[in-house]
Amino acid sequence: MLDINSFFGGFFDMIFSMSINDVIDILIVAYIFYKVFMFIKDTRAEQVLKGIVLLFVATQISEILKLHTLYWILIKALDLGFIAALVIFQPELRAGLEYIGRTKFNFFLKNSASVSEEIFDKTIEEIVEALYSLSRQKIGALIILERQTKIGDIINTGTSIDGAISRQLLINIFIPNTPLHDGAVVIRDSQIKAAACFLPLTQSKDLSKDLGTRHRAAVGVSEVSDCISLIVSEETGDVSIAKAGKLYRNISKERMTNILRSNLKVTVQEKSFFKGGIFK
């Protein structure tokens, strides 16, 4: 029978014998596990991870109970598990590496000059006015706002424009039966970079069945980058927004303005430290 006093005595001896390096090591590992869990939370990767944990537990139990055949099968499954995990988690691994790549060390950004509030507000106004003008006319539209993750491969699928952002140009692009109306507009660095761009479709099963290709493409591109997708429904005129693989429907004009301001302002301030900026 386990001696409780001996157990706790040994435990506290171990705690008090730890060096500062051991504490730092444990805290770093705990933080990494926490960030990984938060990153995969509410995704299909979370369910796969639970399955892997159960597989490890089953392997240990089968070894303890000397279930040799079951143990052999589980060990072989774990041997192949590493390669299988790379295939299964490919989208999440890519998103995770992009997240690390977007991490900035902003030690020198606190005193950087910010982009003109007037220019920033004007740009947001032009985008929002175009969206809700198209909404009133029930003209379908899909606008992608590039942020930290570059989506040049998607821009290259469309027709280059490199034009200043204006409601007139955005509205004109999406007028039905015009050459560029079918596809997405991509906005990068205060410019309408390209139109009629092709986007990857989401494979998510959570989207409503009444949503068409435009909404699925908007969610799809937000799954593989940190961009913001703005959608106008051709059927209902509703305006929606997709971010980080999530779709938020029927957004009011005022709320849309607030969402764009809060999400794009960070990007603007970070880029203003370098030469130029997103809304220069």
Protein backbone atom coordinates (compact mmCIF):
# COMPACT_ATOMS: atom_id res chain seq x y z
CA MET A 1 0.00 0.00 0.00
CA LEU A 2 1.28 3.43 -0.96
CA ASP A 3 2.57 5.50 1.93
CA ILE A 4 0.88 8.88 1.54
CA ASN A 5 3.45 10.65 3.70
CA SER A 6 6.32 9.20 1.68
CA PHE A 7 4.60 10.20 -1.55
CA PHE A 8 4.05 13.80 -0.54
CA GLY A 9 7.49 13.96 1.05
CA GLY A 10 9.14 12.87 -2.18
CA PHE A 11 6.94 15.24 -4.16
CA PHE A 12 7.90 18.26 -2.08
CA ASP A 13 11.57 17.23 -2.12
CA MET A 14 11.40 17.24 -5.92
CA ILE A 15 9.69 20.65 -5.96
CA PHE A 16 12.22 22.29 -3.64
CA SER A 17 15.16 20.76 -5.50
CA MET A 18 14.10 22.32 -8.81
CA SER A 19 16.32 25.03 -10.23
CA ILE A 20 15.13 28.21 -11.92
CA ASN A 21 15.95 26.62 -15.28
CA ASP A 22 13.61 23.71 -14.48
CA VAL A 23 10.79 26.13 -13.63
CA ILE A 24 11.33 28.10 -16.84
CA ASP A 25 11.42 24.87 -18.84
CA ILE A 26 8.12 23.66 -17.34
CA LEU A 27 6.43 27.03 -17.87
CA ILE A 28 7.51 27.18 -21.52
CA VAL A 29 6.28 23.66 -22.23
CA ALA A 30 2.99 24.34 -20.42
CA TYR A 31 2.51 27.53 -22.42
CA ILE A 32 3.18 25.69 -25.70
CA PHE A 33 0.64 22.99 -24.83
CA TYR A 34 -1.89 25.66 -23.87
CA LYS A 35 -1.42 27.56 -27.14
CA VAL A 36 -1.68 24.35 -29.19
CA PHE A 37 -4.89 23.38 -27.40
CA MET A 38 -6.41 26.85 -27.91
CA PHE A 39 -5.36 26.79 -31.55
CA ILE A 40 -7.10 23.49 -32.32
CA LYS A 41 -10.07 24.06 -30.02
CA ASP A 42 -13.43 23.63 -31.81
CA THR A 43 -11.74 22.26 -34.94
CA ARG A 44 -11.68 18.75 -36.37
CA ALA A 45 -8.05 18.52 -35.20
CA GLU A 46 -9.34 18.51 -31.60
CA GLN A 47 -11.34 15.34 -32.26
CA VAL A 48 -8.39 13.66 -33.97
CA LEU A 49 -6.13 14.58 -31.04
CA LYS A 50 -8.60 12.98 -28.61
CA GLY A 51 -8.49 9.83 -30.73
CA ILE A 52 -4.68 9.77 -30.60
CA VAL A 53 -4.70 10.17 -26.81
CA LEU A 54 -7.17 7.28 -26.47
CA LEU A 55 -4.92 5.19 -28.73
CA PHE A 56 -1.95 5.83 -26.44
CA VAL A 57 -4.00 4.91 -23.37
CA ALA A 58 -5.26 1.71 -25.02
CA THR A 59 -1.67 0.78 -25.92
CA GLN A 60 -0.49 1.15 -22.33
CA ILE A 61 -3.45 -0.82 -20.96
CA SER A 62 -2.92 -3.65 -23.46
CA GLU A 63 0.76 -3.85 -22.40
CA ILE A 64 -0.12 -3.95 -18.70
CA LEU A 65 -2.76 -6.66 -19.26
CA LYS A 66 -0.37 -8.58 -21.56
CA LEU A 67 -2.78 -8.57 -24.49
CA HIS A 68 0.03 -9.28 -26.92
CA THR A 69 -1.89 -9.31 -30.20
CA LEU A 70 -3.78 -6.12 -29.44
CA TYR A 71 -0.58 -4.49 -28.21
CA TRP A 72 1.24 -5.41 -31.44
CA ILE A 73 -1.56 -3.95 -33.57
CA LEU A 74 -1.65 -0.71 -31.56
CA ILE A 75 2.14 -0.32 -31.66
CA LYS A 76 2.13 -0.72 -35.45
CA ALA A 77 -0.69 1.82 -35.68
CA LEU A 78 1.38 4.28 -33.63
CA ASP A 79 4.42 3.68 -35.84
CA LEU A 80 2.37 4.82 -38.84
CA GLY A 81 0.62 7.50 -36.82
CA PHE A 82 3.32 10.14 -37.33
CA ILE A 83 3.00 10.04 -41.11
CA ALA A 84 -0.78 9.84 -40.88
CA ALA A 85 -0.83 12.86 -38.57
CA LEU A 86 1.10 14.93 -41.12
CA VAL A 87 -1.54 14.10 -43.72
CA ILE A 88 -4.55 14.56 -41.42
CA PHE A 89 -3.30 17.76 -39.81
CA GLN A 90 -1.92 19.31 -43.01
CA PRO A 91 -4.32 22.31 -42.99
CA GLU A 92 -3.81 22.89 -39.27
CA LEU A 93 -0.03 22.55 -39.54
CA ARG A 94 0.04 25.05 -42.36
CA ALA A 95 -2.17 27.47 -40.44
CA GLY A 96 -0.02 27.01 -37.34
CA LEU A 97 3.23 27.74 -39.19
CA GLU A 98 1.65 30.80 -40.80
CA TYR A 99 0.54 31.94 -37.33
CA ILE A 100 4.12 31.63 -36.08
CA GLY A 101 5.37 33.48 -39.15
CA ARG A 102 2.94 36.33 -38.50
CA THR A 103 4.12 36.71 -34.91
CA LYS A 104 5.82 40.07 -34.51
CA PHE A 105 8.24 41.27 -31.89
CA ASN A 106 6.92 44.78 -31.46
CA PHE A 107 9.60 46.11 -29.12
CA PHE A 108 10.23 49.05 -31.42
CA LEU A 109 6.71 49.68 -32.70
CA LYS A 110 5.24 51.52 -29.75
CA ASN A 111 6.40 54.92 -30.94
CA SER A 112 5.86 54.33 -34.65
CA ALA A 113 3.89 56.85 -36.61
CA SER A 114 0.38 55.67 -37.38
CA VAL A 115 -1.39 56.02 -40.69
CA SER A 116 -3.63 59.04 -41.06
CA GLU A 117 -6.97 58.44 -39.36
CA GLU A 118 -8.66 60.37 -42.13
CA ILE A 119 -7.26 58.12 -44.88
CA PHE A 120 -8.02 54.98 -42.89
CA ASP A 121 -11.62 56.05 -42.18
CA LYS A 122 -12.14 57.05 -45.81
CA THR A 123 -10.99 53.65 -47.05
CA ILE A 124 -13.29 51.80 -44.65
CA GLU A 125 -16.15 54.07 -45.68
CA GLU A 126 -15.62 53.34 -49.39
CA ILE A 127 -15.64 49.57 -48.82
CA VAL A 128 -18.70 49.64 -46.55
CA GLU A 129 -20.69 51.96 -48.83
CA ALA A 130 -19.95 49.69 -51.80
CA LEU A 131 -21.06 46.62 -49.86
CA TYR A 132 -24.41 48.04 -48.79
CA SER A 133 -25.10 49.64 -52.15
CA LEU A 134 -24.66 46.20 -53.71
CA SER A 135 -26.80 44.77 -50.91
CA ARG A 136 -29.71 47.12 -51.68
CA GLN A 137 -29.54 46.10 -55.34
CA LYS A 138 -29.14 42.40 -54.46
CA ILE A 139 -25.98 42.15 -56.50
CA GLY A 140 -23.69 39.33 -55.34
CA ALA A 141 -20.17 40.31 -54.32
CA LEU A 142 -17.08 38.82 -52.69
CA ILE A 143 -14.27 41.05 -51.40
CA ILE A 144 -11.11 39.69 -49.76
CA LEU A 145 -9.05 41.96 -47.50
CA GLU A 146 -5.49 40.65 -47.30
CA ARG A 147 -3.78 41.07 -43.93
CA GLN A 148 -0.48 39.53 -42.75
CA THR A 149 -0.64 36.28 -44.74
CA LYS A 150 0.12 36.99 -48.38
CA ILE A 151 -2.28 35.43 -50.89
CA GLY A 152 -0.37 36.18 -54.08
CA ASP A 153 -1.23 32.75 -55.48
CA ILE A 154 -4.91 33.71 -55.33
CA ILE A 155 -4.30 37.18 -56.76
CA ASN A 156 -2.51 35.60 -59.72
CA THR A 157 -5.66 33.66 -60.66
CA GLY A 158 -7.54 36.90 -61.38
CA THR A 159 -7.21 39.99 -63.54
CA SER A 160 -4.76 42.60 -62.28
CA ILE A 161 -6.28 46.02 -61.55
CA ASP A 162 -4.00 47.91 -59.11
CA GLY A 163 -6.59 50.64 -58.69
CA ALA A 164 -7.37 52.96 -55.80
CA ILE A 165 -10.21 51.83 -53.54
CA SER A 166 -13.49 53.56 -54.38
CA ARG A 167 -17.11 52.56 -54.03
CA GLN A 168 -17.72 53.33 -57.71
CA LEU A 169 -15.02 50.92 -58.89
CA LEU A 170 -16.07 48.15 -56.50
CA ILE A 171 -19.72 48.44 -57.48
CA ASN A 172 -18.88 48.51 -61.18
CA ILE A 173 -16.78 45.34 -60.91
CA PHE A 174 -19.70 43.29 -59.57
CA ILE A 175 -22.39 44.50 -62.00
CA PRO A 176 -23.84 41.32 -63.56
CA ASN A 177 -22.70 40.29 -67.05
CA THR A 178 -19.54 42.41 -66.89
CA PRO A 179 -16.19 40.67 -67.56
CA LEU A 180 -14.97 40.75 -63.92
CA HIS A 181 -18.14 40.24 -61.90
CA ASP A 182 -17.68 36.49 -61.42
CA GLY A 183 -15.08 35.78 -58.74
CA ALA A 184 -13.50 37.66 -55.87
CA VAL A 185 -11.89 41.07 -55.56
CA VAL A 186 -8.67 41.10 -53.52
CA ILE A 187 -7.61 44.27 -51.71
CA ARG A 188 -3.97 44.66 -50.70
CA ASP A 189 -2.09 47.72 -49.41
CA SER A 190 -4.84 50.28 -50.07
CA GLN A 191 -5.38 49.03 -53.61
CA ILE A 192 -7.86 46.85 -55.43
CA LYS A 193 -5.17 44.42 -56.48
CA ALA A 194 -7.16 42.04 -58.68
CA ALA A 195 -10.67 40.94 -59.62
CA ALA A 196 -12.28 37.70 -60.82
CA CYS A 197 -9.99 35.70 -58.53
CA PHE A 198 -10.60 32.01 -57.79
CA LEU A 199 -10.75 30.90 -54.17
CA PRO A 200 -10.50 27.50 -52.45
CA LEU A 201 -13.84 26.15 -51.23
CA THR A 202 -14.28 25.13 -47.61
CA GLN A 203 -14.85 21.47 -46.80
CA SER A 204 -16.66 22.34 -43.56
CA LYS A 205 -19.90 20.47 -42.89
CA ASP A 206 -21.11 23.13 -40.46
CA LEU A 207 -22.27 25.63 -43.08
CA SER A 208 -25.96 25.87 -43.85
CA LYS A 209 -27.10 23.95 -46.92
CA ASP A 210 -28.70 27.09 -48.36
CA LEU A 211 -25.31 28.79 -48.78
CA GLY A 212 -23.81 28.76 -52.23
CA THR A 213 -20.34 28.79 -53.76
CA ARG A 214 -19.69 32.46 -52.92
CA HIS A 215 -20.04 31.90 -49.16
CA ARG A 216 -18.12 28.63 -49.24
CA ALA A 217 -15.27 30.30 -51.10
CA ALA A 218 -15.24 33.15 -48.57
CA VAL A 219 -14.92 30.72 -45.67
CA GLY A 220 -12.40 28.58 -47.57
CA VAL A 221 -9.89 31.39 -48.12
CA SER A 222 -10.26 32.50 -44.48
CA GLU A 223 -9.26 28.97 -43.41
CA VAL A 224 -5.91 29.10 -45.23
CA SER A 225 -4.99 32.70 -44.38
CA ASP A 226 -5.77 35.48 -41.90
CA CYS A 227 -7.69 37.50 -44.49
CA ILE A 228 -11.18 38.90 -43.97
CA SER A 229 -13.86 37.94 -46.51
CA LEU A 230 -16.86 40.19 -47.16
CA ILE A 231 -19.87 38.68 -48.92
CA VAL A 232 -23.06 40.10 -50.38
CA SER A 233 -25.75 37.50 -51.07
CA GLU A 234 -27.29 37.66 -54.53
CA GLU A 235 -30.49 35.99 -53.30
CA THR A 236 -31.22 37.96 -50.12
CA GLY A 237 -28.89 40.96 -50.23
CA ASP A 238 -27.58 40.04 -46.76
CA VAL A 239 -24.01 41.08 -45.98
CA SER A 240 -21.80 38.53 -44.23
CA ILE A 241 -18.21 38.30 -43.08
CA ALA A 242 -15.86 35.31 -42.84
CA LYS A 243 -12.81 35.21 -40.61
CA ALA A 244 -10.63 32.32 -39.39
CA GLY A 245 -12.97 29.76 -40.95
CA LYS A 246 -16.09 31.17 -39.28
CA LEU A 247 -19.01 32.80 -41.09
CA TYR A 248 -21.01 35.63 -39.49
CA ARG A 249 -24.21 36.40 -41.36
CA ASN A 250 -26.52 39.37 -41.77
CA ILE A 251 -24.11 42.03 -40.48
CA SER A 252 -25.50 45.55 -40.10
CA LYS A 253 -23.74 48.51 -41.69
CA GLU A 254 -22.66 50.01 -38.38
CA ARG A 255 -21.36 46.71 -37.06
CA MET A 256 -19.47 46.06 -40.30
CA THR A 257 -17.71 49.41 -39.96
CA ASN A 258 -16.70 48.59 -36.38
CA ILE A 259 -15.47 45.11 -37.33
CA LEU A 260 -13.30 46.43 -40.16
CA ARG A 261 -11.89 49.22 -38.02
CA SER A 262 -10.95 46.91 -35.16
CA ASN A 263 -9.45 44.19 -37.37
CA LEU A 264 -7.60 46.33 -39.91
CA LYS A 265 -6.31 49.01 -37.57
CA VAL A 266 -3.78 46.64 -36.00
CA THR A 267 -2.44 45.71 -39.43
CA VAL A 268 -2.18 49.35 -40.43
CA GLN A 269 -0.26 50.39 -37.32
CA GLU A 270 2.19 47.50 -37.66
CA LYS A 271 2.87 48.20 -41.32
CA SER A 272 3.33 51.91 -40.76
CA PHE A 273 6.62 51.17 -38.97
CA PHE A 274 8.08 50.11 -42.28
CA LYS A 275 8.15 52.06 -45.51
CA GLY A 276 4.62 52.62 -46.72
CA GLY A 277 1.55 51.00 -45.22
CA ILE A 278 -1.65 49.21 -46.01
CA PHE A 279 -3.78 52.32 -46.30
CA LYS A 280 -1.17 54.91 -47.21
